[in-house]
Amino acid sequence: MAFEKLEDIKPREILPGYTVRFVHTDRMTFAFWDVAKDSPLPEHAHHHEQVAQVMEGEYELTIGGETKRLGPGDVAIIPSNVPHSGMAITACKLMDVFCPVREDYLGTNK
């Protein structure tokens, strides 16, 4: 696949308040999130490197014990195996890029 419309990818609720559309390549996973206001993301860690960007809204992100409030255009880099958590301050649109591909999310785009 070379072209796809994001709106044609079936959304999935991964956690309460977190709905996502995934795009997978051979080496990366892109996650396009719609997050409801006041939705928490429990602390977790994974071997994937992650880059997170707030597209719309405000999101509070804690990475390795450091907490920042992020807004549109803000980017956070989450190294491999570093604990992180979050909270949607407002309704948000977020984009995450994971490398390598998120094996646990494969097969979830349609």
N, C-alpha and C. Protein backbone atom coordinates (compact mmCIF):
# COMPACT_ATOMS: atom_id res chain seq x y z
N MET A 1 0.85 -1.18 0.00
CA MET A 1 0.00 0.00 0.00
C MET A 1 0.89 1.23 0.00
N ALA A 2 0.59 2.16 -0.88
CA ALA A 2 1.36 3.39 -0.94
C ALA A 2 0.55 4.59 -0.47
N PHE A 3 -0.78 4.52 -0.63
CA PHE A 3 -1.64 5.64 -0.25
C PHE A 3 -2.82 5.11 0.54
N GLU A 4 -3.23 5.87 1.52
CA GLU A 4 -4.40 5.49 2.31
C GLU A 4 -4.99 6.74 2.92
N LYS A 5 -6.30 6.78 3.06
CA LYS A 5 -6.96 7.88 3.76
C LYS A 5 -7.12 7.47 5.22
N LEU A 6 -6.68 8.35 6.10
CA LEU A 6 -6.78 8.06 7.53
C LEU A 6 -8.22 7.77 7.93
N GLU A 7 -9.16 8.49 7.36
CA GLU A 7 -10.57 8.29 7.70
C GLU A 7 -11.10 6.92 7.28
N ASP A 8 -10.41 6.24 6.36
CA ASP A 8 -10.83 4.90 5.92
C ASP A 8 -10.31 3.80 6.82
N ILE A 9 -9.42 4.13 7.73
CA ILE A 9 -8.89 3.14 8.68
C ILE A 9 -9.84 3.05 9.86
N LYS A 10 -10.26 1.85 10.17
CA LYS A 10 -11.22 1.63 11.25
C LYS A 10 -10.60 2.01 12.60
N PRO A 11 -11.26 2.91 13.34
CA PRO A 11 -10.74 3.27 14.68
C PRO A 11 -11.00 2.15 15.69
N ARG A 12 -10.10 2.05 16.66
CA ARG A 12 -10.23 1.06 17.74
C ARG A 12 -10.02 1.74 19.07
N GLU A 13 -10.79 1.35 20.07
CA GLU A 13 -10.56 1.86 21.42
C GLU A 13 -9.59 0.90 22.11
N ILE A 14 -8.41 1.40 22.43
CA ILE A 14 -7.36 0.59 23.05
C ILE A 14 -7.47 0.65 24.57
N LEU A 15 -7.78 1.83 25.09
CA LEU A 15 -8.04 2.06 26.52
C LEU A 15 -9.28 2.93 26.61
N PRO A 16 -9.96 2.94 27.75
CA PRO A 16 -11.10 3.86 27.87
C PRO A 16 -10.68 5.30 27.55
N GLY A 17 -11.38 5.91 26.59
CA GLY A 17 -11.09 7.29 26.20
C GLY A 17 -10.02 7.42 25.13
N TYR A 18 -9.37 6.34 24.71
CA TYR A 18 -8.28 6.37 23.73
C TYR A 18 -8.67 5.57 22.49
N THR A 19 -9.06 6.28 21.43
CA THR A 19 -9.41 5.66 20.16
C THR A 19 -8.29 5.95 19.17
N VAL A 20 -7.91 4.95 18.38
CA VAL A 20 -6.72 5.08 17.54
C VAL A 20 -6.94 4.48 16.16
N ARG A 21 -6.21 5.06 15.20
CA ARG A 21 -6.08 4.48 13.86
C ARG A 21 -4.59 4.23 13.66
N PHE A 22 -4.23 3.01 13.24
CA PHE A 22 -2.83 2.64 13.06
C PHE A 22 -2.45 2.60 11.59
N VAL A 23 -1.20 3.01 11.31
CA VAL A 23 -0.57 2.81 10.01
C VAL A 23 0.76 2.13 10.31
N HIS A 24 0.95 0.96 9.71
CA HIS A 24 2.18 0.19 9.94
C HIS A 24 3.03 0.15 8.67
N THR A 25 4.34 0.28 8.84
CA THR A 25 5.28 0.02 7.76
C THR A 25 6.11 -1.18 8.19
N ASP A 26 7.11 -1.53 7.42
CA ASP A 26 7.97 -2.65 7.81
C ASP A 26 8.75 -2.36 9.08
N ARG A 27 9.03 -1.08 9.38
CA ARG A 27 9.91 -0.74 10.50
C ARG A 27 9.29 0.18 11.54
N MET A 28 8.11 0.75 11.24
CA MET A 28 7.52 1.74 12.16
C MET A 28 6.02 1.53 12.28
N THR A 29 5.48 2.04 13.37
CA THR A 29 4.03 2.13 13.54
C THR A 29 3.70 3.59 13.84
N PHE A 30 2.70 4.12 13.12
CA PHE A 30 2.15 5.44 13.37
C PHE A 30 0.79 5.24 14.01
N ALA A 31 0.54 5.96 15.09
CA ALA A 31 -0.74 5.88 15.79
C ALA A 31 -1.36 7.28 15.82
N PHE A 32 -2.58 7.38 15.34
CA PHE A 32 -3.31 8.65 15.31
C PHE A 32 -4.45 8.52 16.33
N TRP A 33 -4.31 9.20 17.45
CA TRP A 33 -5.20 9.05 18.60
C TRP A 33 -6.21 10.18 18.69
N ASP A 34 -7.43 9.84 19.06
CA ASP A 34 -8.44 10.77 19.55
C ASP A 34 -8.63 10.41 21.01
N VAL A 35 -8.38 11.38 21.89
CA VAL A 35 -8.40 11.12 23.33
C VAL A 35 -9.44 12.01 24.00
N ALA A 36 -10.29 11.40 24.79
CA ALA A 36 -11.33 12.14 25.50
C ALA A 36 -10.73 12.88 26.69
N LYS A 37 -11.31 14.03 27.00
CA LYS A 37 -10.88 14.84 28.15
C LYS A 37 -10.87 13.99 29.42
N ASP A 38 -9.85 14.23 30.25
CA ASP A 38 -9.69 13.57 31.55
C ASP A 38 -9.39 12.07 31.46
N SER A 39 -8.94 11.60 30.30
CA SER A 39 -8.60 10.18 30.15
C SER A 39 -7.15 9.95 30.56
N PRO A 40 -6.93 9.07 31.57
CA PRO A 40 -5.56 8.78 31.99
C PRO A 40 -4.91 7.69 31.12
N LEU A 41 -3.60 7.79 30.97
CA LEU A 41 -2.79 6.74 30.36
C LEU A 41 -1.92 6.18 31.47
N PRO A 42 -2.18 4.93 31.90
CA PRO A 42 -1.39 4.37 33.01
C PRO A 42 0.10 4.28 32.67
N GLU A 43 0.92 4.37 33.70
CA GLU A 43 2.37 4.25 33.49
C GLU A 43 2.69 2.89 32.88
N HIS A 44 3.57 2.93 31.90
CA HIS A 44 4.01 1.71 31.22
C HIS A 44 5.35 1.99 30.54
N ALA A 45 5.96 0.96 30.03
CA ALA A 45 7.21 1.09 29.27
C ALA A 45 7.22 -0.01 28.21
N HIS A 46 7.96 0.20 27.14
CA HIS A 46 8.09 -0.79 26.08
C HIS A 46 9.46 -0.61 25.42
N HIS A 47 9.88 -1.62 24.68
CA HIS A 47 11.20 -1.56 24.05
C HIS A 47 11.24 -0.63 22.84
N HIS A 48 10.10 -0.18 22.38
CA HIS A 48 10.04 0.71 21.21
C HIS A 48 10.47 2.12 21.57
N GLU A 49 11.21 2.77 20.69
CA GLU A 49 11.40 4.21 20.79
C GLU A 49 10.10 4.85 20.34
N GLN A 50 9.77 5.99 20.92
CA GLN A 50 8.49 6.64 20.60
C GLN A 50 8.68 8.15 20.49
N VAL A 51 8.06 8.72 19.47
CA VAL A 51 7.98 10.17 19.34
C VAL A 51 6.49 10.51 19.37
N ALA A 52 6.10 11.39 20.27
CA ALA A 52 4.69 11.78 20.43
C ALA A 52 4.54 13.25 20.08
N GLN A 53 3.48 13.58 19.35
CA GLN A 53 3.18 14.97 19.03
C GLN A 53 1.72 15.25 19.34
N VAL A 54 1.48 16.39 19.99
CA VAL A 54 0.12 16.86 20.21
C VAL A 54 -0.30 17.63 18.96
N MET A 55 -1.38 17.18 18.34
CA MET A 55 -1.91 17.84 17.15
C MET A 55 -2.96 18.89 17.54
N GLU A 56 -3.80 18.53 18.51
CA GLU A 56 -4.85 19.43 19.01
C GLU A 56 -5.03 19.17 20.50
N GLY A 57 -5.39 20.21 21.25
CA GLY A 57 -5.71 20.06 22.67
C GLY A 57 -4.49 20.18 23.56
N GLU A 58 -4.69 19.81 24.84
CA GLU A 58 -3.61 19.83 25.83
C GLU A 58 -3.50 18.45 26.48
N TYR A 59 -2.26 18.01 26.64
CA TYR A 59 -1.99 16.69 27.18
C TYR A 59 -0.83 16.79 28.16
N GLU A 60 -0.99 16.20 29.33
CA GLU A 60 0.09 16.17 30.31
C GLU A 60 0.79 14.82 30.20
N LEU A 61 2.10 14.86 29.98
CA LEU A 61 2.89 13.65 29.77
C LEU A 61 4.01 13.59 30.78
N THR A 62 4.17 12.42 31.40
CA THR A 62 5.26 12.18 32.33
C THR A 62 6.18 11.13 31.72
N ILE A 63 7.47 11.48 31.59
CA ILE A 63 8.47 10.58 31.03
C ILE A 63 9.59 10.46 32.04
N GLY A 64 9.83 9.26 32.53
CA GLY A 64 10.92 9.04 33.48
C GLY A 64 10.84 9.95 34.69
N GLY A 65 9.62 10.25 35.16
CA GLY A 65 9.43 11.08 36.34
C GLY A 65 9.33 12.57 36.08
N GLU A 66 9.57 13.03 34.85
CA GLU A 66 9.46 14.45 34.52
C GLU A 66 8.14 14.70 33.81
N THR A 67 7.36 15.66 34.32
CA THR A 67 6.03 15.94 33.79
C THR A 67 6.01 17.28 33.08
N LYS A 68 5.39 17.30 31.90
CA LYS A 68 5.22 18.52 31.11
C LYS A 68 3.81 18.57 30.56
N ARG A 69 3.25 19.77 30.47
CA ARG A 69 1.97 19.98 29.79
C ARG A 69 2.28 20.37 28.35
N LEU A 70 1.73 19.62 27.41
CA LEU A 70 2.02 19.80 26.00
C LEU A 70 0.79 20.33 25.26
N GLY A 71 1.04 21.16 24.25
CA GLY A 71 -0.02 21.70 23.40
C GLY A 71 0.29 21.46 21.95
N PRO A 72 -0.54 21.96 21.06
CA PRO A 72 -0.37 21.74 19.63
C PRO A 72 1.05 22.08 19.15
N GLY A 73 1.64 21.13 18.44
CA GLY A 73 2.98 21.31 17.90
C GLY A 73 4.09 20.83 18.82
N ASP A 74 3.77 20.58 20.10
CA ASP A 74 4.80 20.08 21.02
C ASP A 74 5.09 18.60 20.73
N VAL A 75 6.36 18.25 20.86
CA VAL A 75 6.84 16.91 20.57
C VAL A 75 7.60 16.39 21.79
N ALA A 76 7.39 15.11 22.09
CA ALA A 76 8.12 14.46 23.18
C ALA A 76 8.81 13.22 22.62
N ILE A 77 10.04 13.00 23.07
CA ILE A 77 10.81 11.82 22.66
C ILE A 77 10.90 10.89 23.87
N ILE A 78 10.40 9.66 23.68
CA ILE A 78 10.37 8.68 24.76
C ILE A 78 11.34 7.56 24.40
N PRO A 79 12.47 7.48 25.11
CA PRO A 79 13.44 6.43 24.81
C PRO A 79 12.91 5.04 25.15
N SER A 80 13.53 4.06 24.58
CA SER A 80 13.20 2.66 24.83
C SER A 80 13.25 2.35 26.33
N ASN A 81 12.24 1.61 26.81
CA ASN A 81 12.17 1.09 28.17
C ASN A 81 12.05 2.14 29.28
N VAL A 82 11.73 3.39 28.94
CA VAL A 82 11.56 4.44 29.96
C VAL A 82 10.07 4.51 30.33
N PRO A 83 9.76 4.41 31.63
CA PRO A 83 8.36 4.49 32.05
C PRO A 83 7.75 5.85 31.69
N HIS A 84 6.49 5.83 31.24
CA HIS A 84 5.79 7.06 30.90
C HIS A 84 4.29 6.87 31.11
N SER A 85 3.62 8.00 31.33
CA SER A 85 2.18 8.01 31.56
C SER A 85 1.64 9.35 31.10
N GLY A 86 0.31 9.49 31.08
CA GLY A 86 -0.25 10.74 30.61
C GLY A 86 -1.66 10.96 31.09
N MET A 87 -2.16 12.18 30.77
CA MET A 87 -3.53 12.57 31.10
C MET A 87 -3.98 13.62 30.10
N ALA A 88 -5.14 13.40 29.50
CA ALA A 88 -5.72 14.39 28.59
C ALA A 88 -6.34 15.51 29.42
N ILE A 89 -5.79 16.70 29.32
CA ILE A 89 -6.32 17.86 30.02
C ILE A 89 -7.60 18.33 29.31
N THR A 90 -7.58 18.28 27.98
CA THR A 90 -8.74 18.57 27.14
C THR A 90 -8.90 17.38 26.19
N ALA A 91 -9.96 17.38 25.40
CA ALA A 91 -10.01 16.43 24.30
C ALA A 91 -8.80 16.69 23.42
N CYS A 92 -8.16 15.64 22.93
CA CYS A 92 -6.89 15.77 22.20
C CYS A 92 -6.87 14.93 20.93
N LYS A 93 -6.02 15.37 20.02
CA LYS A 93 -5.59 14.55 18.90
C LYS A 93 -4.07 14.45 19.03
N LEU A 94 -3.59 13.22 19.10
CA LEU A 94 -2.16 12.95 19.28
C LEU A 94 -1.69 12.06 18.14
N MET A 95 -0.40 12.16 17.82
CA MET A 95 0.21 11.23 16.89
C MET A 95 1.46 10.66 17.55
N ASP A 96 1.58 9.34 17.52
CA ASP A 96 2.77 8.66 18.01
C ASP A 96 3.43 7.91 16.86
N VAL A 97 4.75 7.90 16.88
CA VAL A 97 5.53 7.09 15.95
C VAL A 97 6.37 6.15 16.80
N PHE A 98 6.29 4.85 16.51
CA PHE A 98 7.03 3.84 17.25
C PHE A 98 8.01 3.14 16.32
N CYS A 99 9.21 2.87 16.83
CA CYS A 99 10.22 2.12 16.09
C CYS A 99 10.91 1.18 17.07
N PRO A 100 10.98 -0.11 16.80
CA PRO A 100 10.44 -0.79 15.63
C PRO A 100 8.91 -0.85 15.69
N VAL A 101 8.34 -1.51 14.68
CA VAL A 101 6.89 -1.62 14.57
C VAL A 101 6.30 -2.21 15.85
N ARG A 102 5.12 -1.75 16.25
CA ARG A 102 4.43 -2.28 17.43
C ARG A 102 3.76 -3.60 17.05
N GLU A 103 4.42 -4.70 17.36
CA GLU A 103 3.92 -6.02 17.02
C GLU A 103 2.56 -6.28 17.67
N ASP A 104 2.36 -5.72 18.88
CA ASP A 104 1.12 -5.95 19.61
C ASP A 104 -0.07 -5.24 18.97
N TYR A 105 0.18 -4.32 18.04
CA TYR A 105 -0.89 -3.61 17.35
C TYR A 105 -1.02 -4.02 15.88
N LEU A 106 -0.22 -4.95 15.41
CA LEU A 106 -0.32 -5.37 14.01
C LEU A 106 -1.68 -6.00 13.76
N GLY A 107 -2.16 -5.81 12.55
CA GLY A 107 -3.45 -6.38 12.18
C GLY A 107 -4.63 -5.61 12.73
N THR A 108 -4.36 -4.40 13.26
CA THR A 108 -5.45 -3.65 13.86
C THR A 108 -5.88 -2.46 13.02
N ASN A 109 -5.39 -2.32 11.77
CA ASN A 109 -5.82 -1.16 11.02
C ASN A 109 -7.11 -1.36 10.25
N LYS A 110 -7.61 -2.51 10.05
CA LYS A 110 -8.85 -2.65 9.25
C LYS A 110 -9.90 -3.40 10.04
